Each structure stands twice: as structure tokens, then as C-alpha cells.
Amino acid sequence: MRLPLLSGLFGLLLTAFAAQAEPWVELTTPQPTRDPAKVEVIEFFWYGCPHCYHAEPQVAAWRKHQPASVEFIRVPAIFNQRWAVLGRAYYAMQQLKLGEDVHKALFDAIHRDNKNLNDEASLTEFFAAQGVPREKFKEAFNSFDVDGKVGRANKMTRDYGLEGVPTFIVNGKYRVDGTSAGSVEAMFTALDQLVARETNAAK
């Protein structure tokens, strides 16, 4: 008489284990994407994060192999004011139309060259060394547009339930990070699986 009950409990345990074994977390409240016609992948990062720095070459390599149907969006995670300063620098870079070379240079300056770039003054000097006039950088850094983007990034950090970086969000539904995947390499394997899943679901 107890065997069916035990069998049922065992089945539930296996189901729970399988759910935990997935290298991603399914969001309780899915978030809207920018373009429903594409599979959206958001990378949340912080310039001060060594894990983000070391993962950056793999992010770049992964992006090169994505089809046009995948939209990659980079968002600076903002947990507090210290993170907001470098998030503001990222959006100032966008406004100034600075490319991937400057993005990499800022990472290198912090992690390879051990530069302390945690305030407007030090960032102004860094960007001046990249050929950006000081006043032009300050104008972008303190602009209304950058204010709005920083505020949105702060809200997204909360809405997606981030616990750390780097973290990837696929199509507003799935969160992939080092904790869920177990390693940087496994994160990209999980991203490939989710992108394939969402691409097939859209057909």
C-alpha cells in the first residue's frame, strides 16, 4: 500500500532535482523585451568586477557567432552609488559614441593598471587620455539623458533579481549567472541552449 506513495514522492524529488539542475533561473515575473521579433540577451556587468573583466573576451567571442535574430544589450548593474558612477561612465561613452576599444580600455585601466576610477574627476582624466575633451565628457556624464539611463539600469537591476555580475538575461524570462551555471564556460553553454529554445519557440 505504501509503494505508490513512495514512488510518487520519489518522482517529486527527481522533478525538483531536475529543476535545480538547470543552469539558469526562470524568472517569476518575466520582463518585456525591446524587440519581440528578436531573442534578447542582456549582459549585466560592472567595470569594477574582476569576473566581468575576465569574462569579457568570451562575451566578445560569443557575440560574434550570434545570428541577426539575437539582440545583445549591455547594461551596467547598479546596486549602490559606487556602482552608479561607473554605470554613468558607460552611458556617457554611449552618448559620445565611443566604441568597444574604449570599453575595453576602461576595463584594462581598472584591472590591469590598477587605476582608481571611482569618481567624476578621475574618469574625466581617463577619457581625456582617450582623446575626449574634458568639458565634453563632463557634459555627457552629467546629462539628463545619462541620468535617465542610470535610473533605468538601477530599476532593471532590481526587477531582474540580480545577486551579482556578470549576469545574463534571455528574452526577459531566464537569468544565467555563475551561481546557476557553475562556471563562466557553463554560462555560455546555457545561453546557447536558451537562445535555441527561444528561437524555436518563435517559429
Protein backbone atom coordinates (compact mmCIF):
# COMPACT_ATOMS: atom_id res chain seq x y z
CA MET A 1 0.00 0.00 0.00
CA ARG A 2 2.90 2.35 0.65
CA LEU A 3 4.71 1.69 -2.63
CA PRO A 4 2.62 4.08 -4.78
CA LEU A 5 3.09 6.82 -2.19
CA LEU A 6 6.84 6.25 -2.03
CA SER A 7 7.02 6.12 -5.81
CA GLY A 8 5.15 9.41 -6.04
CA LEU A 9 7.43 11.09 -3.51
CA PHE A 10 10.49 9.79 -5.36
CA GLY A 11 9.11 11.22 -8.59
CA LEU A 12 8.59 14.61 -6.97
CA LEU A 13 12.15 14.58 -5.65
CA LEU A 14 13.50 13.76 -9.10
CA THR A 15 11.45 16.58 -10.62
CA ALA A 16 12.74 19.05 -8.01
CA PHE A 17 16.31 17.90 -8.57
CA ALA A 18 15.95 18.28 -12.33
CA ALA A 19 14.61 21.81 -11.87
CA GLN A 20 17.54 22.73 -9.64
CA ALA A 21 19.97 21.16 -12.10
CA GLU A 22 19.09 23.65 -14.86
CA PRO A 23 21.97 26.12 -15.35
CA TRP A 24 19.55 29.05 -15.24
CA VAL A 25 16.75 30.51 -13.15
CA GLU A 26 13.33 31.08 -14.68
CA LEU A 27 12.06 34.49 -13.60
CA THR A 28 8.84 34.56 -11.60
CA THR A 29 7.81 37.76 -13.37
CA PRO A 30 9.04 37.92 -16.99
CA GLN A 31 10.10 41.35 -18.18
CA PRO A 32 9.26 42.96 -21.55
CA THR A 33 11.93 42.93 -24.25
CA ARG A 34 12.94 45.75 -26.55
CA ASP A 35 12.08 43.95 -29.81
CA PRO A 36 9.64 40.99 -29.65
CA ALA A 37 10.82 39.88 -33.10
CA LYS A 38 14.28 39.08 -31.71
CA VAL A 39 15.75 36.94 -28.95
CA GLU A 40 17.09 39.47 -26.45
CA VAL A 41 20.20 38.75 -24.39
CA ILE A 42 21.14 41.32 -21.74
CA GLU A 43 24.55 41.28 -20.08
CA PHE A 44 24.60 42.99 -16.67
CA PHE A 45 28.15 43.95 -15.72
CA TRP A 46 30.20 46.34 -13.62
CA TYR A 47 33.57 47.76 -14.62
CA GLY A 48 34.88 47.16 -11.10
CA CYS A 49 34.08 43.42 -11.24
CA PRO A 50 37.10 41.16 -11.92
CA HIS A 51 34.81 38.32 -13.04
CA CYS A 52 33.25 40.59 -15.66
CA TYR A 53 36.71 41.65 -16.80
CA HIS A 54 37.94 38.09 -17.24
CA ALA A 55 34.70 37.04 -18.97
CA GLU A 56 34.82 39.95 -21.44
CA PRO A 57 36.87 38.12 -24.15
CA GLN A 58 34.40 35.22 -24.01
CA VAL A 59 31.46 37.63 -24.25
CA ALA A 60 33.03 39.17 -27.35
CA ALA A 61 33.68 35.75 -28.91
CA TRP A 62 30.13 34.58 -28.14
CA ARG A 63 28.59 37.68 -29.69
CA LYS A 64 30.45 37.12 -32.98
CA HIS A 65 28.69 33.80 -33.50
CA GLN A 66 25.14 35.04 -32.90
CA PRO A 67 22.69 35.43 -35.80
CA ALA A 68 20.96 38.70 -36.63
CA SER A 69 17.86 37.40 -34.80
CA VAL A 70 19.70 37.78 -31.46
CA GLU A 71 19.86 41.28 -29.95
CA PHE A 72 22.65 41.76 -27.41
CA ILE A 73 22.26 44.59 -24.90
CA ARG A 74 24.84 45.59 -22.32
CA VAL A 75 23.54 47.13 -19.08
CA PRO A 76 25.66 48.31 -16.13
CA ALA A 77 24.33 46.75 -12.93
CA ILE A 78 23.70 49.35 -10.24
CA PHE A 79 23.45 48.16 -6.65
CA ASN A 80 24.63 51.35 -4.95
CA GLN A 81 26.15 54.77 -5.60
CA ARG A 82 29.65 53.41 -6.16
CA TRP A 83 28.37 51.18 -8.94
CA ALA A 84 26.33 54.07 -10.33
CA VAL A 85 29.46 56.15 -11.02
CA LEU A 86 30.88 53.59 -13.44
CA GLY A 87 27.41 52.94 -14.85
CA ARG A 88 27.18 56.65 -15.59
CA ALA A 89 30.58 56.45 -17.31
CA TYR A 90 29.28 53.66 -19.57
CA TYR A 91 26.25 55.66 -20.65
CA ALA A 92 28.42 58.75 -21.19
CA MET A 93 30.54 56.59 -23.51
CA GLN A 94 27.39 55.64 -25.42
CA GLN A 95 26.31 59.26 -25.76
CA LEU A 96 29.76 60.19 -27.02
CA LYS A 97 29.60 57.27 -29.49
CA LEU A 98 32.81 55.72 -28.20
CA GLY A 99 33.33 52.13 -29.32
CA GLU A 100 34.43 48.78 -27.96
CA ASP A 101 38.07 49.88 -27.82
CA VAL A 102 37.30 52.46 -25.12
CA HIS A 103 35.03 49.98 -23.30
CA LYS A 104 37.97 47.57 -23.13
CA ALA A 105 40.40 50.34 -22.22
CA LEU A 106 38.31 51.26 -19.18
CA PHE A 107 38.26 47.65 -18.02
CA ASP A 108 42.04 47.41 -18.56
CA ALA A 109 42.72 50.64 -16.70
CA ILE A 110 40.91 49.36 -13.61
CA HIS A 111 42.02 45.72 -13.56
CA ARG A 112 45.32 45.61 -15.43
CA ASP A 113 46.67 49.03 -14.49
CA ASN A 114 45.07 49.18 -11.01
CA LYS A 115 43.73 52.70 -11.53
CA ASN A 116 41.17 54.06 -9.12
CA LEU A 117 38.40 55.43 -11.36
CA ASN A 118 35.58 55.83 -8.89
CA ASP A 119 34.68 59.49 -9.32
CA GLU A 120 33.99 62.08 -11.99
CA ALA A 121 37.42 63.71 -11.72
CA SER A 122 39.42 60.52 -12.27
CA LEU A 123 37.09 59.39 -15.07
CA THR A 124 37.41 62.79 -16.76
CA GLU A 125 41.20 62.34 -16.86
CA PHE A 126 40.87 58.78 -18.14
CA PHE A 127 38.63 59.83 -21.01
CA ALA A 128 40.86 62.82 -21.76
CA ALA A 129 43.66 60.30 -22.31
CA GLN A 130 41.33 58.57 -24.81
CA GLY A 131 41.02 61.80 -26.76
CA VAL A 132 37.73 63.08 -25.29
CA PRO A 133 37.80 66.80 -24.34
CA ARG A 134 37.25 67.21 -20.60
CA GLU A 135 34.28 69.53 -20.88
CA LYS A 136 32.63 67.29 -23.46
CA PHE A 137 32.93 64.27 -21.17
CA LYS A 138 31.62 66.18 -18.14
CA GLU A 139 28.64 67.41 -20.14
CA ALA A 140 27.75 63.84 -21.16
CA PHE A 141 28.46 62.39 -17.71
CA ASN A 142 26.04 64.84 -16.05
CA SER A 143 23.43 64.96 -18.81
CA PHE A 144 19.70 64.42 -18.34
CA ASP A 145 19.85 61.51 -20.81
CA VAL A 146 22.51 59.70 -18.76
CA ASP A 147 20.53 60.41 -15.56
CA GLY A 148 17.53 58.63 -17.07
CA LYS A 149 19.54 55.63 -18.28
CA VAL A 150 21.23 55.19 -14.90
CA GLY A 151 17.84 55.28 -13.20
CA ARG A 152 16.51 52.66 -15.60
CA ALA A 153 19.57 50.44 -15.07
CA ASN A 154 19.03 50.67 -11.32
CA LYS A 155 15.41 49.59 -11.74
CA MET A 156 16.38 46.73 -14.06
CA THR A 157 18.95 45.51 -11.52
CA ARG A 158 16.10 45.16 -9.02
CA ASP A 159 13.45 43.88 -11.43
CA TYR A 160 15.62 41.02 -12.68
CA GLY A 161 16.58 39.97 -9.16
CA LEU A 162 20.31 40.27 -9.70
CA GLU A 163 22.57 38.89 -6.99
CA GLY A 164 25.89 39.64 -8.66
CA VAL A 165 27.63 40.06 -12.01
CA PRO A 166 28.17 39.02 -14.68
CA THR A 167 24.54 38.05 -15.13
CA PHE A 168 22.73 37.38 -18.40
CA ILE A 169 19.00 37.64 -19.04
CA VAL A 170 17.50 35.80 -22.01
CA ASN A 171 14.28 37.14 -23.53
CA GLY A 172 13.17 38.62 -20.23
CA LYS A 173 12.49 35.09 -18.91
CA TYR A 174 15.70 33.42 -17.80
CA ARG A 175 18.60 34.54 -15.60
CA VAL A 176 22.04 32.96 -16.05
CA ASP A 177 24.93 33.70 -13.69
CA GLY A 178 27.93 31.98 -12.13
CA THR A 179 25.83 30.54 -9.32
CA SER A 180 23.21 28.95 -11.55
CA ALA A 181 25.64 27.75 -14.22
CA GLY A 182 28.63 26.88 -12.02
CA SER A 183 31.34 28.37 -14.27
CA VAL A 184 31.91 31.01 -16.93
CA GLU A 185 32.10 28.36 -19.66
CA ALA A 186 28.82 26.82 -18.50
CA MET A 187 27.15 30.24 -18.64
CA PHE A 188 27.75 30.47 -22.38
CA THR A 189 26.57 26.90 -22.91
CA ALA A 190 23.38 27.82 -21.07
CA LEU A 191 23.00 30.96 -23.19
CA ASP A 192 23.26 28.88 -26.37
CA GLN A 193 20.62 26.47 -25.08
CA LEU A 194 18.23 29.26 -24.14
CA VAL A 195 18.73 31.18 -27.37
CA ALA A 196 17.99 27.98 -29.34
CA ARG A 197 14.91 27.33 -27.19
CA GLU A 198 13.53 30.85 -27.65
CA THR A 199 14.35 30.86 -31.38
CA ASN A 200 12.49 27.59 -31.91
CA ALA A 201 9.55 28.79 -29.81
CA ALA A 202 9.16 31.81 -32.08
CA LYS A 203 8.85 29.71 -35.26
